[in-house]
């Protein structure tokens, strides 16, 4: 909106096939967010750092938990 860019035609459905490759892993999404050069200009550098650090902590906490599926699949092989 700031630069009055044309977003192109509307997309129907899920928007797949539009060329916008979004990360499918939490860590990859966080890395892309952290590496952005334009987001700090819109959201503020301090906000971006705080947001990234908070989401990184949440990601780490999530991956520190062993899901039930791992027990179901792998414990029987030990």
N, C-alpha and C. Protein backbone atom coordinates (compact mmCIF):
# COMPACT_ATOMS: atom_id res chain seq x y z
N UNK A 1 0.82 -1.18 0.00
CA UNK A 1 0.00 0.00 0.00
C UNK A 1 0.87 1.25 0.00
N UNK A 2 1.95 1.19 0.74
CA UNK A 2 2.82 2.37 0.81
C UNK A 2 3.39 2.72 -0.55
N UNK A 3 3.79 1.69 -1.30
CA UNK A 3 4.39 1.91 -2.61
C UNK A 3 3.39 1.80 -3.75
N UNK A 4 2.10 1.60 -3.41
CA UNK A 4 1.03 1.48 -4.40
C UNK A 4 1.34 0.44 -5.47
N UNK A 5 1.81 -0.73 -5.04
CA UNK A 5 2.13 -1.82 -5.96
C UNK A 5 0.85 -2.55 -6.36
N UNK A 6 0.80 -3.04 -7.58
CA UNK A 6 -0.34 -3.80 -8.07
C UNK A 6 -0.21 -5.24 -7.56
N UNK A 7 -1.18 -5.72 -6.80
CA UNK A 7 -1.08 -7.08 -6.27
C UNK A 7 -1.39 -8.16 -7.32
N UNK A 8 -1.87 -7.78 -8.46
CA UNK A 8 -2.22 -8.75 -9.49
C UNK A 8 -3.66 -9.21 -9.32
N UNK A 9 -4.08 -10.15 -10.15
CA UNK A 9 -5.47 -10.62 -10.08
C UNK A 9 -5.71 -11.43 -8.81
N UNK A 10 -6.97 -11.49 -8.37
CA UNK A 10 -7.30 -12.30 -7.19
C UNK A 10 -7.00 -13.77 -7.44
N UNK A 11 -6.72 -14.49 -6.37
CA UNK A 11 -6.46 -15.92 -6.44
C UNK A 11 -7.64 -16.66 -5.84
N UNK A 12 -8.12 -17.66 -6.55
CA UNK A 12 -9.22 -18.49 -6.04
C UNK A 12 -8.66 -19.68 -5.29
N UNK A 13 -9.43 -20.22 -4.39
CA UNK A 13 -9.05 -21.43 -3.68
C UNK A 13 -7.94 -21.19 -2.69
N UNK A 14 -7.02 -22.15 -2.59
CA UNK A 14 -5.96 -22.12 -1.59
C UNK A 14 -4.78 -21.26 -2.01
N UNK A 15 -4.77 -20.80 -3.26
CA UNK A 15 -3.67 -19.96 -3.71
C UNK A 15 -2.43 -20.75 -4.07
N UNK A 16 -2.55 -22.04 -4.26
CA UNK A 16 -1.39 -22.84 -4.65
C UNK A 16 -1.03 -22.57 -6.09
N UNK A 17 0.21 -22.73 -6.41
CA UNK A 17 0.67 -22.51 -7.78
C UNK A 17 0.88 -21.06 -8.12
N UNK A 18 0.93 -20.19 -7.11
CA UNK A 18 1.10 -18.77 -7.38
C UNK A 18 2.57 -18.37 -7.44
N UNK A 19 3.47 -19.29 -7.14
CA UNK A 19 4.89 -18.97 -7.15
C UNK A 19 5.39 -18.48 -5.81
N UNK A 20 4.51 -18.27 -4.84
CA UNK A 20 4.91 -17.84 -3.51
C UNK A 20 5.26 -19.06 -2.68
N UNK A 21 6.54 -19.41 -2.65
CA UNK A 21 6.98 -20.59 -1.92
C UNK A 21 7.11 -20.24 -0.43
N UNK A 22 6.18 -20.73 0.36
CA UNK A 22 6.23 -20.49 1.79
C UNK A 22 6.93 -21.64 2.48
N UNK A 23 7.69 -21.36 3.53
CA UNK A 23 8.38 -22.43 4.25
C UNK A 23 7.39 -23.41 4.86
N UNK A 24 7.76 -24.67 4.88
CA UNK A 24 6.90 -25.66 5.50
C UNK A 24 7.44 -26.13 6.85
N UNK A 25 8.50 -25.51 7.31
CA UNK A 25 9.06 -25.81 8.63
C UNK A 25 9.17 -24.51 9.43
N UNK A 26 8.90 -24.65 10.73
CA UNK A 26 8.91 -23.51 11.62
C UNK A 26 10.25 -22.79 11.60
N UNK A 27 11.34 -23.55 11.67
CA UNK A 27 12.68 -22.96 11.70
C UNK A 27 12.97 -22.17 10.42
N UNK A 28 12.56 -22.71 9.29
CA UNK A 28 12.80 -22.02 8.02
C UNK A 28 12.00 -20.72 7.94
N UNK A 29 10.78 -20.73 8.44
CA UNK A 29 9.97 -19.52 8.46
C UNK A 29 10.60 -18.46 9.36
N UNK A 30 11.09 -18.89 10.51
CA UNK A 30 11.75 -17.94 11.42
C UNK A 30 13.01 -17.35 10.80
N UNK A 31 13.76 -18.17 10.10
CA UNK A 31 14.98 -17.68 9.45
C UNK A 31 14.65 -16.67 8.36
N UNK A 32 13.62 -16.94 7.60
CA UNK A 32 13.23 -15.98 6.56
C UNK A 32 12.73 -14.68 7.17
N UNK A 33 12.00 -14.78 8.26
CA UNK A 33 11.54 -13.58 8.96
C UNK A 33 12.74 -12.78 9.46
N UNK A 34 13.69 -13.47 10.10
CA UNK A 34 14.87 -12.79 10.65
C UNK A 34 15.71 -12.14 9.57
N UNK A 35 15.79 -12.78 8.40
CA UNK A 35 16.63 -12.28 7.32
C UNK A 35 15.97 -11.18 6.48
N UNK A 36 14.71 -10.91 6.74
CA UNK A 36 14.00 -9.90 5.94
C UNK A 36 14.66 -8.53 6.06
N UNK A 37 14.79 -7.86 4.94
CA UNK A 37 15.37 -6.51 4.96
C UNK A 37 14.30 -5.43 4.98
N UNK A 38 13.06 -5.78 4.63
CA UNK A 38 12.02 -4.75 4.61
C UNK A 38 11.09 -4.77 5.81
N UNK A 39 10.93 -5.91 6.49
CA UNK A 39 10.03 -5.95 7.64
C UNK A 39 10.43 -5.00 8.76
N UNK A 40 11.71 -4.88 9.10
CA UNK A 40 12.06 -3.92 10.15
C UNK A 40 11.65 -2.49 9.81
N UNK A 41 11.63 -2.15 8.53
CA UNK A 41 11.20 -0.81 8.14
C UNK A 41 9.72 -0.59 8.37
N UNK A 42 8.93 -1.66 8.27
CA UNK A 42 7.49 -1.54 8.48
C UNK A 42 7.08 -1.78 9.92
N UNK A 43 7.70 -2.76 10.54
CA UNK A 43 7.29 -3.14 11.89
C UNK A 43 8.20 -2.59 12.98
N UNK A 44 9.40 -2.19 12.60
CA UNK A 44 10.38 -1.71 13.58
C UNK A 44 11.37 -2.82 13.91
N UNK A 45 12.63 -2.45 13.98
CA UNK A 45 13.69 -3.43 14.22
C UNK A 45 13.55 -4.10 15.59
N UNK A 46 13.20 -3.33 16.60
CA UNK A 46 13.06 -3.90 17.95
C UNK A 46 11.91 -4.89 18.01
N UNK A 47 10.79 -4.56 17.36
CA UNK A 47 9.66 -5.48 17.33
C UNK A 47 10.05 -6.78 16.63
N UNK A 48 10.72 -6.66 15.48
CA UNK A 48 11.11 -7.85 14.72
C UNK A 48 12.04 -8.74 15.54
N UNK A 49 12.99 -8.14 16.24
CA UNK A 49 13.90 -8.94 17.08
C UNK A 49 13.14 -9.63 18.21
N UNK A 50 12.27 -8.89 18.88
CA UNK A 50 11.49 -9.46 19.98
C UNK A 50 10.57 -10.57 19.49
N UNK A 51 9.88 -10.33 18.38
CA UNK A 51 8.98 -11.32 17.81
C UNK A 51 9.76 -12.58 17.45
N UNK A 52 10.88 -12.41 16.76
CA UNK A 52 11.69 -13.57 16.36
C UNK A 52 12.17 -14.34 17.58
N UNK A 53 12.70 -13.64 18.57
CA UNK A 53 13.22 -14.32 19.76
C UNK A 53 12.12 -15.08 20.50
N UNK A 54 10.93 -14.50 20.60
CA UNK A 54 9.82 -15.16 21.29
C UNK A 54 9.38 -16.40 20.52
N UNK A 55 9.25 -16.29 19.20
CA UNK A 55 8.84 -17.45 18.40
C UNK A 55 9.93 -18.52 18.39
N UNK A 56 11.21 -18.11 18.42
CA UNK A 56 12.31 -19.08 18.47
C UNK A 56 12.24 -19.87 19.77
N UNK A 57 11.98 -19.18 20.89
CA UNK A 57 11.85 -19.85 22.18
C UNK A 57 10.69 -20.84 22.14
N UNK A 58 9.54 -20.41 21.57
CA UNK A 58 8.39 -21.31 21.46
C UNK A 58 8.73 -22.54 20.62
N UNK A 59 9.44 -22.32 19.54
CA UNK A 59 9.85 -23.41 18.66
C UNK A 59 10.73 -24.40 19.42
N UNK A 60 11.68 -23.88 20.16
CA UNK A 60 12.58 -24.73 20.94
C UNK A 60 11.80 -25.53 21.99
N UNK A 61 10.85 -24.87 22.66
CA UNK A 61 10.04 -25.55 23.66
C UNK A 61 9.20 -26.65 23.02
N UNK A 62 8.65 -26.37 21.86
CA UNK A 62 7.84 -27.36 21.14
C UNK A 62 8.68 -28.58 20.79
N UNK A 63 9.88 -28.37 20.28
CA UNK A 63 10.72 -29.48 19.85
C UNK A 63 11.38 -30.21 21.02
N UNK A 64 11.33 -29.62 22.21
CA UNK A 64 11.88 -30.29 23.39
C UNK A 64 10.94 -31.38 23.90
N UNK A 65 9.70 -31.37 23.44
CA UNK A 65 8.72 -32.36 23.85
C UNK A 65 8.78 -33.57 22.91
N UNK A 66 8.74 -34.75 23.49
CA UNK A 66 8.71 -35.97 22.69
C UNK A 66 7.24 -36.30 22.43
N UNK A 67 6.82 -36.27 21.17
CA UNK A 67 5.41 -36.53 20.89
C UNK A 67 5.04 -38.01 21.10
N UNK A 68 3.80 -38.23 21.41
CA UNK A 68 3.30 -39.58 21.66
C UNK A 68 3.58 -40.49 20.45
N UNK A 69 3.50 -39.95 19.27
CA UNK A 69 3.73 -40.74 18.07
C UNK A 69 5.13 -41.34 18.06
N UNK A 70 6.13 -40.59 18.53
CA UNK A 70 7.49 -41.13 18.61
C UNK A 70 7.54 -42.33 19.53
N UNK A 71 6.87 -42.26 20.67
CA UNK A 71 6.82 -43.41 21.57
C UNK A 71 6.16 -44.60 20.88
N UNK A 72 5.05 -44.33 20.23
CA UNK A 72 4.30 -45.41 19.57
C UNK A 72 5.12 -46.07 18.47
N UNK A 73 5.83 -45.28 17.68
CA UNK A 73 6.57 -45.82 16.54
C UNK A 73 7.91 -46.43 16.91
N UNK A 74 8.64 -45.77 17.81
CA UNK A 74 10.03 -46.13 18.01
C UNK A 74 10.32 -46.92 19.28
N UNK A 75 9.52 -46.78 20.30
CA UNK A 75 9.81 -47.48 21.55
C UNK A 75 9.73 -48.98 21.37
N UNK A 76 8.85 -49.43 20.51
CA UNK A 76 8.71 -50.87 20.31
C UNK A 76 9.91 -51.47 19.57
N UNK A 77 10.76 -50.66 18.95
CA UNK A 77 11.91 -51.18 18.24
C UNK A 77 13.14 -51.31 19.12
N UNK A 78 13.04 -50.84 20.34
CA UNK A 78 14.20 -50.90 21.25
C UNK A 78 14.21 -52.19 22.00
